Amino acid sequence: MPRNAEGIAAALDSVRRIDFYRELLAAAPEDAEAVLRRWWCEAMLDTDPSGDRFTEAALNGTLPTKSVAVAVARRQAAGLPVE
């Protein structure tokens, strides 16, 4: 899915698409990137067949976690940027 407003909107159902556009249009320019990032994650979960399972595990506190150090090491090993 494209990581832009059009791609995000296309992945959301009509009700959530309206909420997304409403939030994006109300955001200050310096906050727009954070709105896009959050809604891209929402859209990815909506299109992932196992998204409900991940959401349920997160809400129940049973979602496996890892430390920031482990996540950074994995990104570095894969040659991905670490900011």
N, C-alpha and C. Protein backbone atom coordinates (compact mmCIF):
# COMPACT_ATOMS: atom_id res chain seq x y z
N MET A 1 0.84 -1.17 0.00
CA MET A 1 0.00 0.00 0.00
C MET A 1 0.89 1.24 0.00
N PRO A 2 0.62 2.18 -0.89
CA PRO A 2 1.40 3.41 -0.89
C PRO A 2 1.29 4.14 0.45
N ARG A 3 2.39 4.66 0.91
CA ARG A 3 2.41 5.34 2.21
C ARG A 3 2.15 6.83 2.01
N ASN A 4 0.97 7.12 1.45
CA ASN A 4 0.55 8.51 1.25
C ASN A 4 -0.96 8.57 1.49
N ALA A 5 -1.51 9.77 1.49
CA ALA A 5 -2.93 9.94 1.82
C ALA A 5 -3.83 9.13 0.90
N GLU A 6 -3.53 9.11 -0.38
CA GLU A 6 -4.36 8.38 -1.33
C GLU A 6 -4.33 6.88 -1.06
N GLY A 7 -3.15 6.32 -0.82
CA GLY A 7 -3.03 4.89 -0.53
C GLY A 7 -3.72 4.51 0.76
N ILE A 8 -3.54 5.34 1.78
CA ILE A 8 -4.18 5.07 3.07
C ILE A 8 -5.69 5.11 2.92
N ALA A 9 -6.21 6.14 2.29
CA ALA A 9 -7.66 6.28 2.13
C ALA A 9 -8.24 5.10 1.36
N ALA A 10 -7.54 4.63 0.35
CA ALA A 10 -8.05 3.51 -0.45
C ALA A 10 -8.18 2.23 0.37
N ALA A 11 -7.35 2.08 1.40
CA ALA A 11 -7.36 0.86 2.20
C ALA A 11 -8.40 0.89 3.33
N LEU A 12 -8.94 2.04 3.63
CA LEU A 12 -9.88 2.18 4.73
C LEU A 12 -11.32 2.05 4.24
N ASP A 13 -12.20 1.56 5.13
CA ASP A 13 -13.62 1.56 4.75
C ASP A 13 -14.14 2.99 4.78
N SER A 14 -15.33 3.21 4.26
CA SER A 14 -15.82 4.57 4.05
C SER A 14 -15.91 5.39 5.34
N VAL A 15 -16.33 4.79 6.44
CA VAL A 15 -16.44 5.52 7.70
C VAL A 15 -15.06 5.93 8.21
N ARG A 16 -14.14 4.99 8.21
CA ARG A 16 -12.79 5.30 8.69
C ARG A 16 -12.08 6.25 7.73
N ARG A 17 -12.37 6.16 6.45
CA ARG A 17 -11.77 7.08 5.47
C ARG A 17 -12.17 8.52 5.78
N ILE A 18 -13.42 8.72 6.13
CA ILE A 18 -13.88 10.06 6.50
C ILE A 18 -13.14 10.55 7.75
N ASP A 19 -13.00 9.67 8.74
CA ASP A 19 -12.27 10.04 9.96
C ASP A 19 -10.82 10.40 9.65
N PHE A 20 -10.21 9.62 8.77
CA PHE A 20 -8.82 9.88 8.37
C PHE A 20 -8.69 11.25 7.72
N TYR A 21 -9.53 11.52 6.72
CA TYR A 21 -9.45 12.80 6.03
C TYR A 21 -9.75 13.97 6.99
N ARG A 22 -10.71 13.78 7.87
CA ARG A 22 -11.06 14.83 8.83
C ARG A 22 -9.84 15.15 9.71
N GLU A 23 -9.18 14.12 10.21
CA GLU A 23 -8.01 14.33 11.07
C GLU A 23 -6.85 14.95 10.29
N LEU A 24 -6.63 14.46 9.07
CA LEU A 24 -5.53 14.98 8.26
C LEU A 24 -5.76 16.45 7.91
N LEU A 25 -6.96 16.81 7.52
CA LEU A 25 -7.25 18.19 7.14
C LEU A 25 -7.21 19.14 8.33
N ALA A 26 -7.48 18.62 9.53
CA ALA A 26 -7.46 19.47 10.72
C ALA A 26 -6.05 19.61 11.30
N ALA A 27 -5.12 18.78 10.86
CA ALA A 27 -3.78 18.78 11.43
C ALA A 27 -2.98 20.00 10.96
N ALA A 28 -2.19 20.53 11.87
CA ALA A 28 -1.24 21.57 11.50
C ALA A 28 -0.20 20.94 10.58
N PRO A 29 0.41 21.71 9.70
CA PRO A 29 1.39 21.14 8.76
C PRO A 29 2.47 20.31 9.45
N GLU A 30 2.94 20.77 10.59
CA GLU A 30 4.00 20.03 11.28
C GLU A 30 3.49 18.72 11.92
N ASP A 31 2.17 18.54 12.00
CA ASP A 31 1.60 17.33 12.57
C ASP A 31 1.08 16.36 11.50
N ALA A 32 1.05 16.78 10.25
CA ALA A 32 0.48 15.95 9.18
C ALA A 32 1.23 14.64 9.01
N GLU A 33 2.54 14.66 9.13
CA GLU A 33 3.31 13.41 8.97
C GLU A 33 2.93 12.39 10.04
N ALA A 34 2.74 12.84 11.26
CA ALA A 34 2.35 11.92 12.35
C ALA A 34 0.96 11.34 12.09
N VAL A 35 0.05 12.15 11.56
CA VAL A 35 -1.30 11.66 11.23
C VAL A 35 -1.20 10.60 10.14
N LEU A 36 -0.42 10.86 9.11
CA LEU A 36 -0.24 9.88 8.03
C LEU A 36 0.37 8.59 8.56
N ARG A 37 1.36 8.71 9.42
CA ARG A 37 2.03 7.53 9.97
C ARG A 37 1.05 6.68 10.78
N ARG A 38 0.28 7.34 11.64
CA ARG A 38 -0.67 6.59 12.48
C ARG A 38 -1.72 5.90 11.63
N TRP A 39 -2.29 6.64 10.66
CA TRP A 39 -3.35 6.05 9.83
C TRP A 39 -2.80 5.01 8.87
N TRP A 40 -1.54 5.12 8.47
CA TRP A 40 -0.96 4.07 7.62
C TRP A 40 -0.91 2.77 8.42
N CYS A 41 -0.54 2.85 9.70
CA CYS A 41 -0.53 1.66 10.55
C CYS A 41 -1.94 1.08 10.69
N GLU A 42 -2.91 1.96 10.89
CA GLU A 42 -4.31 1.51 10.98
C GLU A 42 -4.73 0.80 9.69
N ALA A 43 -4.40 1.39 8.56
CA ALA A 43 -4.78 0.81 7.27
C ALA A 43 -4.09 -0.53 7.05
N MET A 44 -2.83 -0.62 7.46
CA MET A 44 -2.11 -1.89 7.31
C MET A 44 -2.78 -2.98 8.15
N LEU A 45 -3.17 -2.66 9.36
CA LEU A 45 -3.88 -3.64 10.19
C LEU A 45 -5.22 -4.01 9.57
N ASP A 46 -5.91 -3.02 9.00
CA ASP A 46 -7.21 -3.29 8.39
C ASP A 46 -7.09 -4.23 7.19
N THR A 47 -5.98 -4.16 6.47
CA THR A 47 -5.83 -5.00 5.27
C THR A 47 -5.12 -6.31 5.56
N ASP A 48 -4.58 -6.47 6.77
CA ASP A 48 -3.87 -7.70 7.14
C ASP A 48 -4.88 -8.72 7.67
N PRO A 49 -4.93 -9.91 7.06
CA PRO A 49 -5.89 -10.91 7.52
C PRO A 49 -5.73 -11.27 9.00
N SER A 50 -4.53 -11.12 9.54
CA SER A 50 -4.31 -11.44 10.96
C SER A 50 -4.35 -10.19 11.83
N GLY A 51 -4.76 -9.06 11.26
CA GLY A 51 -4.79 -7.79 11.99
C GLY A 51 -5.65 -7.84 13.24
N ASP A 52 -6.80 -8.51 13.16
CA ASP A 52 -7.67 -8.62 14.34
C ASP A 52 -6.97 -9.38 15.46
N ARG A 53 -6.21 -10.40 15.09
CA ARG A 53 -5.49 -11.18 16.09
C ARG A 53 -4.44 -10.32 16.79
N PHE A 54 -3.72 -9.49 16.02
CA PHE A 54 -2.71 -8.60 16.61
C PHE A 54 -3.37 -7.55 17.51
N THR A 55 -4.46 -6.98 17.05
CA THR A 55 -5.16 -5.97 17.84
C THR A 55 -5.66 -6.56 19.14
N GLU A 56 -6.25 -7.74 19.07
CA GLU A 56 -6.77 -8.41 20.27
C GLU A 56 -5.63 -8.72 21.25
N ALA A 57 -4.51 -9.22 20.72
CA ALA A 57 -3.37 -9.53 21.59
C ALA A 57 -2.82 -8.26 22.24
N ALA A 58 -2.76 -7.17 21.50
CA ALA A 58 -2.27 -5.91 22.06
C ALA A 58 -3.20 -5.42 23.17
N LEU A 59 -4.50 -5.49 22.93
CA LEU A 59 -5.46 -5.03 23.93
C LEU A 59 -5.47 -5.92 25.16
N ASN A 60 -5.18 -7.22 24.98
CA ASN A 60 -5.16 -8.16 26.10
C ASN A 60 -3.82 -8.19 26.83
N GLY A 61 -2.83 -7.50 26.27
CA GLY A 61 -1.51 -7.51 26.89
C GLY A 61 -0.72 -8.78 26.62
N THR A 62 -1.09 -9.52 25.58
CA THR A 62 -0.39 -10.77 25.27
C THR A 62 0.43 -10.69 23.98
N LEU A 63 0.54 -9.51 23.42
CA LEU A 63 1.32 -9.34 22.19
C LEU A 63 2.80 -9.47 22.52
N PRO A 64 3.53 -10.34 21.83
CA PRO A 64 4.96 -10.46 22.10
C PRO A 64 5.66 -9.12 21.84
N THR A 65 6.60 -8.79 22.68
CA THR A 65 7.34 -7.54 22.53
C THR A 65 8.83 -7.84 22.46
N LYS A 66 9.59 -6.82 22.06
CA LYS A 66 11.05 -6.92 22.06
C LYS A 66 11.60 -5.57 22.50
N SER A 67 12.82 -5.57 22.93
CA SER A 67 13.42 -4.32 23.41
C SER A 67 13.80 -3.43 22.23
N VAL A 68 13.97 -2.16 22.50
CA VAL A 68 14.40 -1.22 21.48
C VAL A 68 15.79 -1.63 20.96
N ALA A 69 16.65 -2.08 21.85
CA ALA A 69 17.99 -2.50 21.45
C ALA A 69 17.93 -3.63 20.43
N VAL A 70 17.05 -4.58 20.64
CA VAL A 70 16.90 -5.70 19.70
C VAL A 70 16.37 -5.20 18.36
N ALA A 71 15.38 -4.31 18.40
CA ALA A 71 14.82 -3.76 17.16
C ALA A 71 15.87 -2.98 16.38
N VAL A 72 16.66 -2.17 17.07
CA VAL A 72 17.72 -1.39 16.41
C VAL A 72 18.76 -2.33 15.80
N ALA A 73 19.16 -3.36 16.54
CA ALA A 73 20.15 -4.31 16.04
C ALA A 73 19.64 -5.02 14.79
N ARG A 74 18.36 -5.40 14.77
CA ARG A 74 17.79 -6.08 13.59
C ARG A 74 17.78 -5.15 12.39
N ARG A 75 17.42 -3.88 12.60
CA ARG A 75 17.40 -2.91 11.50
C ARG A 75 18.81 -2.69 10.97
N GLN A 76 19.78 -2.56 11.87
CA GLN A 76 21.15 -2.34 11.44
C GLN A 76 21.66 -3.56 10.66
N ALA A 77 21.35 -4.75 11.13
CA ALA A 77 21.79 -5.97 10.45
C ALA A 77 21.17 -6.09 9.06
N ALA A 78 19.97 -5.54 8.89
CA ALA A 78 19.30 -5.58 7.59
C ALA A 78 19.70 -4.41 6.70
N GLY A 79 20.56 -3.51 7.23
CA GLY A 79 20.98 -2.35 6.45
C GLY A 79 19.93 -1.25 6.37
N LEU A 80 18.98 -1.27 7.30
CA LEU A 80 17.91 -0.26 7.31
C LEU A 80 18.31 0.93 8.17
N PRO A 81 17.75 2.09 7.90
CA PRO A 81 18.11 3.27 8.69
C PRO A 81 17.60 3.15 10.12
N VAL A 82 18.34 3.74 11.02
CA VAL A 82 17.96 3.81 12.43
C VAL A 82 17.99 5.28 12.81
N GLU A 83 16.85 5.80 13.17
CA GLU A 83 16.77 7.23 13.52
C GLU A 83 16.43 7.41 14.96
